[in-house]
């Protein structure tokens, strides 16, 4: 079962998207948020795809599970709680911790990713 998430920033940026996969494709597909640093586009792409390129400019994508795109943990907790957690094939895991993220619109670490619901 996948999750519905929403990325929001104080600058006005907002995007609601699905993350993970359904029962029929979870072994080869994991929808995940990413940013293209070339054109500053927020995208949701398959984290398990061999080629991970921006659909607009073909630039390289960085997924939001990368620590480079994450601020320090909120509330100074030692253990980060996650907004989204997806088990990947071969014992991998994709995690979006409860923190602030780099906003593709304003370029500041003020974007929050929130859980909205589930899908299948």
PDB file of N, CA and C in Angstrom:
ATOM      1  N   UNK A   1       0.846  -1.168   0.000  1.00  0.00           N
ATOM      2  CA  UNK A   1       0.000   0.000   0.000  1.00  0.00           C
ATOM      3  C   UNK A   1       0.897   1.238   0.000  1.00  0.00           C
ATOM      4  N   UNK A   2       0.644   2.156  -0.914  1.00  0.00           N
ATOM      5  CA  UNK A   2       1.413   3.385  -0.999  1.00  0.00           C
ATOM      6  C   UNK A   2       0.830   4.475  -0.115  1.00  0.00           C
ATOM      7  N   UNK A   3       1.538   5.583  -0.068  1.00  0.00           N
ATOM      8  CA  UNK A   3       1.115   6.720   0.756  1.00  0.00           C
ATOM      9  C   UNK A   3       0.874   7.953  -0.107  1.00  0.00           C
ATOM     10  N   UNK A   4      -0.087   8.737   0.303  1.00  0.00           N
ATOM     11  CA  UNK A   4      -0.304  10.048  -0.292  1.00  0.00           C
ATOM     12  C   UNK A   4       0.410  11.051   0.615  1.00  0.00           C
ATOM     13  N   UNK A   5       1.279  11.860   0.004  1.00  0.00           N
ATOM     14  CA  UNK A   5       2.054  12.837   0.749  1.00  0.00           C
ATOM     15  C   UNK A   5       1.827  14.222   0.155  1.00  0.00           C
ATOM     16  N   UNK A   6       2.165  15.224   0.933  1.00  0.00           N
ATOM     17  CA  UNK A   6       2.049  16.601   0.473  1.00  0.00           C
ATOM     18  C   UNK A   6       3.301  17.352   0.897  1.00  0.00           C
ATOM     19  N   UNK A   7       3.940  17.999  -0.072  1.00  0.00           N
ATOM     20  CA  UNK A   7       5.100  18.848   0.210  1.00  0.00           C
ATOM     21  C   UNK A   7       4.613  20.289   0.214  1.00  0.00           C
ATOM     22  N   UNK A   8       4.885  21.022   1.296  1.00  0.00           N
ATOM     23  CA  UNK A   8       4.458  22.412   1.417  1.00  0.00           C
ATOM     24  C   UNK A   8       5.599  23.256   1.983  1.00  0.00           C
ATOM     25  N   UNK A   9       5.683  24.488   1.492  1.00  0.00           N
ATOM     26  CA  UNK A   9       6.704  25.419   1.968  1.00  0.00           C
ATOM     27  C   UNK A   9       6.041  26.755   2.283  1.00  0.00           C
ATOM     28  N   UNK A  10       6.635  27.502   3.198  1.00  0.00           N
ATOM     29  CA  UNK A  10       6.109  28.822   3.562  1.00  0.00           C
ATOM     30  C   UNK A  10       6.139  29.792   2.398  1.00  0.00           C
ATOM     31  N   UNK A  11       6.969  29.515   1.376  1.00  0.00           N
ATOM     32  CA  UNK A  11       7.050  30.407   0.214  1.00  0.00           C
ATOM     33  C   UNK A  11       5.841  30.265  -0.706  1.00  0.00           C
ATOM     34  N   UNK A  12       4.996  29.256  -0.469  1.00  0.00           N
ATOM     35  CA  UNK A  12       3.811  29.039  -1.290  1.00  0.00           C
ATOM     36  C   UNK A  12       3.886  27.778  -2.133  1.00  0.00           C
ATOM     37  N   UNK A  13       5.047  27.144  -2.213  1.00  0.00           N
ATOM     38  CA  UNK A  13       5.169  25.904  -2.977  1.00  0.00           C
ATOM     39  C   UNK A  13       4.315  24.822  -2.321  1.00  0.00           C
ATOM     40  N   UNK A  14       3.611  24.040  -3.144  1.00  0.00           N
ATOM     41  CA  UNK A  14       2.782  22.953  -2.654  1.00  0.00           C
ATOM     42  C   UNK A  14       2.641  21.893  -3.737  1.00  0.00           C
ATOM     43  N   UNK A  15       2.752  20.637  -3.351  1.00  0.00           N
ATOM     44  CA  UNK A  15       2.578  19.532  -4.290  1.00  0.00           C
ATOM     45  C   UNK A  15       2.097  18.304  -3.539  1.00  0.00           C
ATOM     46  N   UNK A  16       0.980  17.739  -3.975  1.00  0.00           N
ATOM     47  CA  UNK A  16       0.468  16.501  -3.397  1.00  0.00           C
ATOM     48  C   UNK A  16       0.817  15.369  -4.347  1.00  0.00           C
ATOM     49  N   UNK A  17       1.293  14.228  -3.802  1.00  0.00           N
ATOM     50  CA  UNK A  17       1.777  13.154  -4.663  1.00  0.00           C
ATOM     51  C   UNK A  17       1.677  11.803  -3.963  1.00  0.00           C
ATOM     52  N   UNK A  18       1.702  10.754  -4.777  1.00  0.00           N
ATOM     53  CA  UNK A  18       1.728   9.396  -4.268  1.00  0.00           C
ATOM     54  C   UNK A  18       3.166   8.937  -4.127  1.00  0.00           C
ATOM     55  N   UNK A  19       3.442   8.160  -3.086  1.00  0.00           N
ATOM     56  CA  UNK A  19       4.775   7.602  -2.864  1.00  0.00           C
ATOM     57  C   UNK A  19       4.640   6.112  -2.580  1.00  0.00           C
ATOM     58  N   UNK A  20       5.624   5.346  -3.050  1.00  0.00           N
ATOM     59  CA  UNK A  20       5.578   3.902  -2.880  1.00  0.00           C
ATOM     60  C   UNK A  20       4.998   3.261  -4.119  1.00  0.00           C
ATOM     61  N   UNK A  21       4.184   2.239  -3.936  1.00  0.00           N
ATOM     62  CA  UNK A  21       3.600   1.515  -5.055  1.00  0.00           C
ATOM     63  C   UNK A  21       2.355   0.769  -4.589  1.00  0.00           C
ATOM     64  N   UNK A  22       1.691   0.149  -5.547  1.00  0.00           N
ATOM     65  CA  UNK A  22       0.534  -0.675  -5.242  1.00  0.00           C
ATOM     66  C   UNK A  22       0.938  -2.136  -5.132  1.00  0.00           C
ATOM     67  N   UNK A  23      -0.029  -2.994  -4.916  1.00  0.00           N
ATOM     68  CA  UNK A  23       0.253  -4.413  -4.751  1.00  0.00           C
ATOM     69  C   UNK A  23       0.788  -5.056  -6.025  1.00  0.00           C
ATOM     70  N   UNK A  24       0.432  -4.541  -7.172  1.00  0.00           N
ATOM     71  CA  UNK A  24       0.819  -5.176  -8.432  1.00  0.00           C
ATOM     72  C   UNK A  24       2.228  -4.839  -8.909  1.00  0.00           C
ATOM     73  N   UNK A  25       2.838  -3.760  -8.414  1.00  0.00           N
ATOM     74  CA  UNK A  25       4.134  -3.354  -8.965  1.00  0.00           C
ATOM     75  C   UNK A  25       5.194  -2.990  -7.925  1.00  0.00           C
ATOM     76  N   UNK A  26       4.998  -3.354  -6.679  1.00  0.00           N
ATOM     77  CA  UNK A  26       5.904  -2.909  -5.621  1.00  0.00           C
ATOM     78  C   UNK A  26       7.322  -3.462  -5.731  1.00  0.00           C
ATOM     79  N   UNK A  27       7.530  -4.523  -6.495  1.00  0.00           N
ATOM     80  CA  UNK A  27       8.876  -5.090  -6.620  1.00  0.00           C
ATOM     81  C   UNK A  27       9.752  -4.340  -7.616  1.00  0.00           C
ATOM     82  N   UNK A  28       9.136  -3.630  -8.552  1.00  0.00           N
ATOM     83  CA  UNK A  28       9.924  -2.902  -9.556  1.00  0.00           C
ATOM     84  C   UNK A  28       9.637  -1.402  -9.596  1.00  0.00           C
ATOM     85  N   UNK A  29       8.812  -0.922  -8.688  1.00  0.00           N
ATOM     86  CA  UNK A  29       8.431   0.493  -8.726  1.00  0.00           C
ATOM     87  C   UNK A  29       8.343   1.051  -7.313  1.00  0.00           C
ATOM     88  N   UNK A  30       8.904   2.233  -7.130  1.00  0.00           N
ATOM     89  CA  UNK A  30       8.763   2.968  -5.871  1.00  0.00           C
ATOM     90  C   UNK A  30       8.718   4.447  -6.219  1.00  0.00           C
ATOM     91  N   UNK A  31       7.514   5.006  -6.270  1.00  0.00           N
ATOM     92  CA  UNK A  31       7.360   6.437  -6.540  1.00  0.00           C
ATOM     93  C   UNK A  31       7.954   7.213  -5.372  1.00  0.00           C
ATOM     94  N   UNK A  32       8.826   8.165  -5.689  1.00  0.00           N
ATOM     95  CA  UNK A  32       9.503   8.922  -4.641  1.00  0.00           C
ATOM     96  C   UNK A  32       9.783  10.344  -5.115  1.00  0.00           C
ATOM     97  N   UNK A  33       9.722  11.330  -4.202  1.00  0.00           N
ATOM     98  CA  UNK A  33       9.980  12.719  -4.591  1.00  0.00           C
ATOM     99  C   UNK A  33      11.470  12.962  -4.806  1.00  0.00           C
ATOM    100  N   UNK A  34      11.745  13.816  -5.794  1.00  0.00           N
ATOM    101  CA  UNK A  34      13.125  14.167  -6.126  1.00  0.00           C
ATOM    102  C   UNK A  34      13.161  15.600  -6.637  1.00  0.00           C
ATOM    103  N   UNK A  35      14.368  16.136  -6.742  1.00  0.00           N
ATOM    104  CA  UNK A  35      14.559  17.475  -7.285  1.00  0.00           C
ATOM    105  C   UNK A  35      15.603  17.409  -8.395  1.00  0.00           C
ATOM    106  N   UNK A  36      15.358  18.174  -9.432  1.00  0.00           N
ATOM    107  CA  UNK A  36      16.353  18.343 -10.492  1.00  0.00           C
ATOM    108  C   UNK A  36      17.087  19.642 -10.176  1.00  0.00           C
ATOM    109  N   UNK A  37      18.382  19.553  -9.961  1.00  0.00           N
ATOM    110  CA  UNK A  37      19.143  20.752  -9.621  1.00  0.00           C
ATOM    111  C   UNK A  37      19.377  21.646 -10.832  1.00  0.00           C
ATOM    112  N   UNK A  38      19.239  21.095 -12.040  1.00  0.00           N
ATOM    113  CA  UNK A  38      19.440  21.898 -13.248  1.00  0.00           C
ATOM    114  C   UNK A  38      18.289  22.876 -13.477  1.00  0.00           C
ATOM    115  N   UNK A  39      17.063  22.360 -13.425  1.00  0.00           N
ATOM    116  CA  UNK A  39      15.912  23.227 -13.717  1.00  0.00           C
ATOM    117  C   UNK A  39      15.037  23.497 -12.491  1.00  0.00           C
ATOM    118  N   UNK A  40      15.450  23.008 -11.294  1.00  0.00           N
ATOM    119  CA  UNK A  40      14.747  23.249 -10.025  1.00  0.00           C
ATOM    120  C   UNK A  40      13.320  22.690 -10.016  1.00  0.00           C
ATOM    121  N   UNK A  41      13.108  21.592 -10.732  1.00  0.00           N
ATOM    122  CA  UNK A  41      11.793  20.975 -10.813  1.00  0.00           C
ATOM    123  C   UNK A  41      11.624  19.932  -9.719  1.00  0.00           C
ATOM    124  N   UNK A  42      10.475  19.954  -9.033  1.00  0.00           N
ATOM    125  CA  UNK A  42      10.095  18.928  -8.066  1.00  0.00           C
ATOM    126  C   UNK A  42       9.373  17.850  -8.850  1.00  0.00           C
ATOM    127  N   UNK A  43       9.843  16.612  -8.778  1.00  0.00           N
ATOM    128  CA  UNK A  43       9.245  15.519  -9.539  1.00  0.00           C
ATOM    129  C   UNK A  43       9.032  14.310  -8.633  1.00  0.00           C
ATOM    130  N   UNK A  44       8.190  13.418  -9.079  1.00  0.00           N
ATOM    131  CA  UNK A  44       8.009  12.122  -8.440  1.00  0.00           C
ATOM    132  C   UNK A  44       8.359  11.092  -9.501  1.00  0.00           C
ATOM    133  N   UNK A  45       9.411  10.333  -9.244  1.00  0.00           N
ATOM    134  CA  UNK A  45       9.910   9.360 -10.216  1.00  0.00           C
ATOM    135  C   UNK A  45      10.130   8.019  -9.540  1.00  0.00           C
ATOM    136  N   UNK A  46      10.363   6.999 -10.349  1.00  0.00           N
ATOM    137  CA  UNK A  46      10.603   5.655  -9.855  1.00  0.00           C
ATOM    138  C   UNK A  46      12.013   5.555  -9.274  1.00  0.00           C
ATOM    139  N   UNK A  47      12.094   5.389  -7.969  1.00  0.00           N
ATOM    140  CA  UNK A  47      13.377   5.291  -7.280  1.00  0.00           C
ATOM    141  C   UNK A  47      14.146   4.032  -7.709  1.00  0.00           C
ATOM    142  N   UNK A  48      13.443   3.019  -8.172  1.00  0.00           N
ATOM    143  CA  UNK A  48      14.079   1.762  -8.568  1.00  0.00           C
ATOM    144  C   UNK A  48      14.484   1.731 -10.044  1.00  0.00           C
ATOM    145  N   UNK A  49      14.176   2.769 -10.800  1.00  0.00           N
ATOM    146  CA  UNK A  49      14.538   2.803 -12.223  1.00  0.00           C
ATOM    147  C   UNK A  49      16.054   2.869 -12.381  1.00  0.00           C
ATOM    148  N   UNK A  50      16.546   2.288 -13.463  1.00  0.00           N
ATOM    149  CA  UNK A  50      17.989   2.330 -13.729  1.00  0.00           C
ATOM    150  C   UNK A  50      18.440   3.751 -14.032  1.00  0.00           C
ATOM    151  N   UNK A  51      17.718   4.423 -14.908  1.00  0.00           N
ATOM    152  CA  UNK A  51      18.051   5.805 -15.245  1.00  0.00           C
ATOM    153  C   UNK A  51      17.095   6.738 -14.528  1.00  0.00           C
ATOM    154  N   UNK A  52      17.653   7.627 -13.740  1.00  0.00           N
ATOM    155  CA  UNK A  52      16.844   8.569 -12.975  1.00  0.00           C
ATOM    156  C   UNK A  52      17.160   9.963 -13.485  1.00  0.00           C
ATOM    157  N   UNK A  53      16.401  10.395 -14.488  1.00  0.00           N
ATOM    158  CA  UNK A  53      16.633  11.695 -15.104  1.00  0.00           C
ATOM    159  C   UNK A  53      15.378  12.546 -15.041  1.00  0.00           C
ATOM    160  N   UNK A  54      15.588  13.849 -15.034  1.00  0.00           N
ATOM    161  CA  UNK A  54      14.485  14.808 -15.023  1.00  0.00           C
ATOM    162  C   UNK A  54      13.662  14.661 -16.295  1.00  0.00           C
ATOM    163  N   UNK A  55      12.332  14.589 -16.179  1.00  0.00           N
ATOM    164  CA  UNK A  55      11.485  14.471 -17.370  1.00  0.00           C
ATOM    165  C   UNK A  55      11.458  15.753 -18.215  1.00  0.00           C
ATOM    166  N   UNK A  56      11.871  16.874 -17.638  1.00  0.00           N
ATOM    167  CA  UNK A  56      11.850  18.146 -18.364  1.00  0.00           C
ATOM    168  C   UNK A  56      13.158  18.422 -19.100  1.00  0.00           C
ATOM    169  N   UNK A  57      14.305  18.276 -18.402  1.00  0.00           N
ATOM    170  CA  UNK A  57      15.586  18.666 -19.002  1.00  0.00           C
ATOM    171  C   UNK A  57      16.594  17.527 -19.100  1.00  0.00           C
ATOM    172  N   UNK A  58      16.229  16.340 -18.628  1.00  0.00           N
ATOM    173  CA  UNK A  58      17.100  15.152 -18.598  1.00  0.00           C
ATOM    174  C   UNK A  58      18.283  15.300 -17.646  1.00  0.00           C
ATOM    175  N   UNK A  59      18.216  16.273 -16.746  1.00  0.00           N
ATOM    176  CA  UNK A  59      19.259  16.446 -15.742  1.00  0.00           C
ATOM    177  C   UNK A  59      19.190  15.358 -14.678  1.00  0.00           C
ATOM    178  N   UNK A  60      20.233  15.265 -13.889  1.00  0.00           N
ATOM    179  CA  UNK A  60      20.289  14.276 -12.816  1.00  0.00           C
ATOM    180  C   UNK A  60      19.334  14.650 -11.687  1.00  0.00           C
ATOM    181  N   UNK A  61      18.709  13.645 -11.108  1.00  0.00           N
ATOM    182  CA  UNK A  61      17.788  13.844  -9.991  1.00  0.00           C
ATOM    183  C   UNK A  61      18.461  13.472  -8.678  1.00  0.00           C
ATOM    184  N   UNK A  62      18.079  14.176  -7.631  1.00  0.00           N
ATOM    185  CA  UNK A  62      18.458  13.803  -6.277  1.00  0.00           C
ATOM    186  C   UNK A  62      17.161  13.556  -5.519  1.00  0.00           C
ATOM    187  N   UNK A  63      17.024  12.352  -4.963  1.00  0.00           N
ATOM    188  CA  UNK A  63      15.818  12.009  -4.230  1.00  0.00           C
ATOM    189  C   UNK A  63      15.879  12.590  -2.820  1.00  0.00           C
ATOM    190  N   UNK A  64      14.720  12.874  -2.270  1.00  0.00           N
ATOM    191  CA  UNK A  64      14.634  13.554  -0.979  1.00  0.00           C
ATOM    192  C   UNK A  64      15.012  12.683   0.219  1.00  0.00           C
ATOM    193  N   UNK A  65      15.387  11.438   0.001  1.00  0.00           N
ATOM    194  CA  UNK A  65      15.943  10.641   1.094  1.00  0.00           C
ATOM    195  C   UNK A  65      17.439  10.930   1.257  1.00  0.00           C
ATOM    196  N   UNK A  66      18.012  11.740   0.382  1.00  0.00           N
ATOM    197  CA  UNK A  66      19.415  12.139   0.457  1.00  0.00           C
ATOM    198  C   UNK A  66      19.586  13.169   1.584  1.00  0.00           C
ATOM    199  N   UNK A  67      20.540  12.921   2.462  1.00  0.00           N
ATOM    200  CA  UNK A  67      20.757  13.822   3.611  1.00  0.00           C
ATOM    201  C   UNK A  67      21.089  15.248   3.182  1.00  0.00           C
ATOM    202  N   UNK A  68      21.626  15.422   1.989  1.00  0.00           N
ATOM    203  CA  UNK A  68      21.961  16.740   1.451  1.00  0.00           C
ATOM    204  C   UNK A  68      20.718  17.629   1.330  1.00  0.00           C
ATOM    205  N   UNK A  69      19.559  17.020   1.146  1.00  0.00           N
ATOM    206  CA  UNK A  69      18.308  17.770   0.971  1.00  0.00           C
ATOM    207  C   UNK A  69      17.511  17.919   2.262  1.00  0.00           C
ATOM    208  N   UNK A  70      18.065  17.447   3.378  1.00  0.00           N
ATOM    209  CA  UNK A  70      17.342  17.438   4.647  1.00  0.00           C
ATOM    210  C   UNK A  70      18.009  18.339   5.683  1.00  0.00           C
ATOM    211  N   UNK A  71      17.176  19.059   6.427  1.00  0.00           N
ATOM    212  CA  UNK A  71      17.668  19.863   7.550  1.00  0.00           C
ATOM    213  C   UNK A  71      17.887  18.941   8.743  1.00  0.00           C
ATOM    214  N   UNK A  72      18.288  19.509   9.851  1.00  0.00           N
ATOM    215  CA  UNK A  72      18.472  18.734  11.074  1.00  0.00           C
ATOM    216  C   UNK A  72      17.128  18.190  11.544  1.00  0.00           C
ATOM    217  N   UNK A  73      17.147  17.117  12.340  1.00  0.00           N
ATOM    218  CA  UNK A  73      15.883  16.561  12.851  1.00  0.00           C
ATOM    219  C   UNK A  73      15.082  17.611  13.617  1.00  0.00           C
ATOM    220  N   UNK A  74      13.776  17.553  13.480  1.00  0.00           N
ATOM    221  CA  UNK A  74      12.902  18.455  14.220  1.00  0.00           C
ATOM    222  C   UNK A  74      12.845  18.052  15.684  1.00  0.00           C
ATOM    223  N   UNK A  75      12.649  19.003  16.554  1.00  0.00           N
ATOM    224  CA  UNK A  75      12.499  18.794  18.000  1.00  0.00           C
ATOM    225  C   UNK A  75      13.729  18.165  18.647  1.00  0.00           C
ATOM    226  N   UNK A  76      14.873  18.210  17.989  1.00  0.00           N
ATOM    227  CA  UNK A  76      16.133  17.681  18.524  1.00  0.00           C
ATOM    228  C   UNK A  76      16.016  16.249  19.039  1.00  0.00           C
ATOM    229  N   UNK A  77      15.191  15.445  18.400  1.00  0.00           N
ATOM    230  CA  UNK A  77      15.050  14.050  18.803  1.00  0.00           C
ATOM    231  C   UNK A  77      16.275  13.278  18.327  1.00  0.00           C
ATOM    232  N   UNK A  78      16.736  12.348  19.150  1.00  0.00           N
ATOM    233  CA  UNK A  78      17.873  11.529  18.751  1.00  0.00           C
ATOM    234  C   UNK A  78      17.491  10.622  17.583  1.00  0.00           C
ATOM    235  N   UNK A  79      16.318  10.038  17.659  1.00  0.00           N
ATOM    236  CA  UNK A  79      15.843   9.159  16.601  1.00  0.00           C
ATOM    237  C   UNK A  79      14.806   9.916  15.772  1.00  0.00           C
ATOM    238  N   UNK A  80      15.048   9.996  14.477  1.00  0.00           N
ATOM    239  CA  UNK A  80      14.108  10.679  13.590  1.00  0.00           C
ATOM    240  C   UNK A  80      12.881   9.806  13.339  1.00  0.00           C
ATOM    241  N   UNK A  81      11.725  10.405  13.478  1.00  0.00           N
ATOM    242  CA  UNK A  81      10.501   9.726  13.081  1.00  0.00           C
ATOM    243  C   UNK A  81      10.351   9.924  11.585  1.00  0.00           C
ATOM    244  N   UNK A  82       9.709   8.971  10.925  1.00  0.00           N
ATOM    245  CA  UNK A  82       9.576   9.095   9.476  1.00  0.00           C
ATOM    246  C   UNK A  82       8.156   9.475   9.074  1.00  0.00           C
ATOM    247  N   UNK A  83       8.078  10.236   7.989  1.00  0.00           N
ATOM    248  CA  UNK A  83       6.806  10.584   7.372  1.00  0.00           C
ATOM    249  C   UNK A  83       6.430   9.495   6.382  1.00  0.00           C
ATOM    250  N   UNK A  84       7.457   8.886   5.776  1.00  0.00           N
ATOM    251  CA  UNK A  84       7.264   7.826   4.784  1.00  0.00           C
ATOM    252  C   UNK A  84       8.400   6.824   4.905  1.00  0.00           C
ATOM    253  N   UNK A  85       8.039   5.549   4.855  1.00  0.00           N
ATOM    254  CA  UNK A  85       8.994   4.455   4.992  1.00  0.00           C
ATOM    255  C   UNK A  85       8.580   3.383   3.993  1.00  0.00           C
ATOM    256  N   UNK A  86       9.499   2.980   3.089  1.00  0.00           N
ATOM    257  CA  UNK A  86       9.163   1.983   2.076  1.00  0.00           C
ATOM    258  C   UNK A  86      10.267   0.947   1.990  1.00  0.00           C
ATOM    259  N   UNK A  87       9.917  -0.320   2.225  1.00  0.00           N
ATOM    260  CA  UNK A  87      10.886  -1.403   2.098  1.00  0.00           C
ATOM    261  C   UNK A  87      11.130  -1.699   0.619  1.00  0.00           C
ATOM    262  N   UNK A  88      12.391  -1.727   0.251  1.00  0.00           N
ATOM    263  CA  UNK A  88      12.801  -1.960  -1.128  1.00  0.00           C
ATOM    264  C   UNK A  88      13.256  -3.401  -1.311  1.00  0.00           C
ATOM    265  N   UNK A  89      13.291  -3.884  -2.556  1.00  0.00           N
ATOM    266  CA  UNK A  89      13.812  -5.232  -2.800  1.00  0.00           C
ATOM    267  C   UNK A  89      15.244  -5.350  -2.284  1.00  0.00           C
ATOM    268  N   UNK A  90      15.638  -6.534  -1.940  1.00  0.00           N
ATOM    269  CA  UNK A  90      16.994  -6.842  -1.485  1.00  0.00           C
ATOM    270  C   UNK A  90      17.371  -6.082  -0.212  1.00  0.00           C
ATOM    271  N   UNK A  91      16.430  -5.986   0.709  1.00  0.00           N
ATOM    272  CA  UNK A  91      16.652  -5.427   2.049  1.00  0.00           C
ATOM    273  C   UNK A  91      16.967  -3.937   2.082  1.00  0.00           C
ATOM    274  N   UNK A  92      16.652  -3.201   1.052  1.00  0.00           N
ATOM    275  CA  UNK A  92      16.849  -1.756   1.077  1.00  0.00           C
ATOM    276  C   UNK A  92      15.654  -1.062   1.702  1.00  0.00           C
ATOM    277  N   UNK A  93      15.797   0.225   1.932  1.00  0.00           N
ATOM    278  CA  UNK A  93      14.701   1.002   2.508  1.00  0.00           C
ATOM    279  C   UNK A  93      14.794   2.450   2.014  1.00  0.00           C
ATOM    280  N   UNK A  94      13.657   3.051   1.738  1.00  0.00           N
ATOM    281  CA  UNK A  94      13.570   4.458   1.364  1.00  0.00           C
ATOM    282  C   UNK A  94      12.824   5.141   2.497  1.00  0.00           C
ATOM    283  N   UNK A  95      13.463   6.121   3.132  1.00  0.00           N
ATOM    284  CA  UNK A  95      12.857   6.800   4.285  1.00  0.00           C
ATOM    285  C   UNK A  95      12.859   8.305   4.073  1.00  0.00           C
ATOM    286  N   UNK A  96      11.727   8.929   4.359  1.00  0.00           N
ATOM    287  CA  UNK A  96      11.627  10.385   4.419  1.00  0.00           C
ATOM    288  C   UNK A  96      11.385  10.740   5.884  1.00  0.00           C
ATOM    289  N   UNK A  97      12.417  11.220   6.576  1.00  0.00           N
ATOM    290  CA  UNK A  97      12.241  11.552   7.997  1.00  0.00           C
ATOM    291  C   UNK A  97      11.385  12.806   8.196  1.00  0.00           C
ATOM    292  N   UNK A  98      10.875  12.967   9.405  1.00  0.00           N
ATOM    293  CA  UNK A  98      10.095  14.140   9.767  1.00  0.00           C
ATOM    294  C   UNK A  98      11.071  15.290  10.020  1.00  0.00           C
ATOM    295  N   UNK A  99      11.362  16.041   8.987  1.00  0.00           N
ATOM    296  CA  UNK A  99      12.297  17.154   9.059  1.00  0.00           C
ATOM    297  C   UNK A  99      11.911  18.189   8.012  1.00  0.00           C
ATOM    298  N   UNK A 100      12.678  19.220   7.890  1.00  0.00           N
ATOM    299  CA  UNK A 100      12.483  20.212   6.838  1.00  0.00           C
ATOM    300  C   UNK A 100      13.392  19.855   5.667  1.00  0.00           C
ATOM    301  N   UNK A 101      12.919  20.152   4.452  1.00  0.00           N
ATOM    302  CA  UNK A 101      13.628  19.792   3.231  1.00  0.00           C
ATOM    303  C   UNK A 101      13.914  21.028   2.391  1.00  0.00           C
ATOM    304  N   UNK A 102      14.870  20.885   1.482  1.00  0.00           N
ATOM    305  CA  UNK A 102      15.198  21.949   0.544  1.00  0.00           C
ATOM    306  C   UNK A 102      14.029  22.160  -0.408  1.00  0.00           C
ATOM    307  N   UNK A 103      13.501  23.363  -0.436  1.00  0.00           N
ATOM    308  CA  UNK A 103      12.377  23.693  -1.309  1.00  0.00           C
ATOM    309  C   UNK A 103      12.893  23.980  -2.722  1.00  0.00           C
ATOM    310  N   UNK A 104      12.292  23.382  -3.741  1.00  0.00           N
ATOM    311  CA  UNK A 104      12.732  23.639  -5.109  1.00  0.00           C
ATOM    312  C   UNK A 104      12.383  25.046  -5.587  1.00  0.00           C
ATOM    313  N   UNK A 105      11.438  25.682  -4.926  1.00  0.00           N
ATOM    314  CA  UNK A 105      10.989  27.007  -5.339  1.00  0.00           C
ATOM    315  C   UNK A 105      11.839  28.132  -4.754  1.00  0.00           C
ATOM    316  N   UNK A 106      12.006  28.141  -3.422  1.00  0.00           N
ATOM    317  CA  UNK A 106      12.741  29.234  -2.780  1.00  0.00           C
ATOM    318  C   UNK A 106      14.197  28.888  -2.468  1.00  0.00           C
ATOM    319  N   UNK A 107      14.547  27.597  -2.531  1.00  0.00           N
ATOM    320  CA  UNK A 107      15.917  27.185  -2.278  1.00  0.00           C
ATOM    321  C   UNK A 107      16.322  27.178  -0.814  1.00  0.00           C
ATOM    322  N   UNK A 108      15.340  27.228   0.098  1.00  0.00           N
ATOM    323  CA  UNK A 108      15.629  27.222   1.532  1.00  0.00           C
ATOM    324  C   UNK A 108      15.131  25.916   2.161  1.00  0.00           C
ATOM    325  N   UNK A 109      15.687  25.570   3.292  1.00  0.00           N
ATOM    326  CA  UNK A 109      15.261  24.371   4.011  1.00  0.00           C
ATOM    327  C   UNK A 109      14.025  24.680   4.848  1.00  0.00           C
ATOM    328  N   UNK A 110      12.908  24.925   4.144  1.00  0.00           N
ATOM    329  CA  UNK A 110      11.656  25.269   4.816  1.00  0.00           C
ATOM    330  C   UNK A 110      10.476  24.442   4.325  1.00  0.00           C
ATOM    331  N   UNK A 111      10.741  23.441   3.472  1.00  0.00           N
ATOM    332  CA  UNK A 111       9.666  22.611   2.935  1.00  0.00           C
ATOM    333  C   UNK A 111       9.418  21.431   3.883  1.00  0.00           C
ATOM    334  N   UNK A 112       8.160  21.171   4.152  1.00  0.00           N
ATOM    335  CA  UNK A 112       7.744  20.070   5.022  1.00  0.00           C
ATOM    336  C   UNK A 112       7.016  19.041   4.162  1.00  0.00           C
ATOM    337  N   UNK A 113       7.273  17.766   4.397  1.00  0.00           N
ATOM    338  CA  UNK A 113       6.542  16.708   3.732  1.00  0.00           C
ATOM    339  C   UNK A 113       5.615  16.079   4.769  1.00  0.00           C
ATOM    340  N   UNK A 114       4.319  16.016   4.417  1.00  0.00           N
ATOM    341  CA  UNK A 114       3.294  15.557   5.365  1.00  0.00           C
ATOM    342  C   UNK A 114       2.570  14.334   4.810  1.00  0.00           C
ATOM    343  N   UNK A 115       2.207  13.426   5.688  1.00  0.00           N
ATOM    344  CA  UNK A 115       1.391  12.273   5.333  1.00  0.00           C
ATOM    345  C   UNK A 115      -0.055  12.733   5.176  1.00  0.00           C
ATOM    346  N   UNK A 116      -0.701  12.319   4.062  1.00  0.00           N
ATOM    347  CA  UNK A 116      -2.081  12.707   3.801  1.00  0.00           C
ATOM    348  C   UNK A 116      -3.021  11.503   3.877  1.00  0.00           C
ATOM    349  N   UNK A 117      -2.561  10.343   3.383  1.00  0.00           N
ATOM    350  CA  UNK A 117      -3.393   9.153   3.385  1.00  0.00           C
ATOM    351  C   UNK A 117      -2.718   7.996   2.673  1.00  0.00           C
ATOM    352  N   UNK A 118      -3.483   6.948   2.383  1.00  0.00           N
ATOM    353  CA  UNK A 118      -2.944   5.754   1.734  1.00  0.00           C
ATOM    354  C   UNK A 118      -3.647   5.488   0.411  1.00  0.00           C
ATOM    355  N   UNK A 119      -2.978   4.696  -0.445  1.00  0.00           N
ATOM    356  CA  UNK A 119      -3.597   4.215  -1.683  1.00  0.00           C
ATOM    357  C   UNK A 119      -3.137   2.797  -1.940  1.00  0.00           C
ATOM    358  N   UNK A 120      -3.851   2.073  -2.802  1.00  0.00           N
ATOM    359  CA  UNK A 120      -3.420   0.737  -3.179  1.00  0.00           C
ATOM    360  C   UNK A 120      -3.742   0.461  -4.617  1.00  0.00           C
TER     361      UNK A 120
END
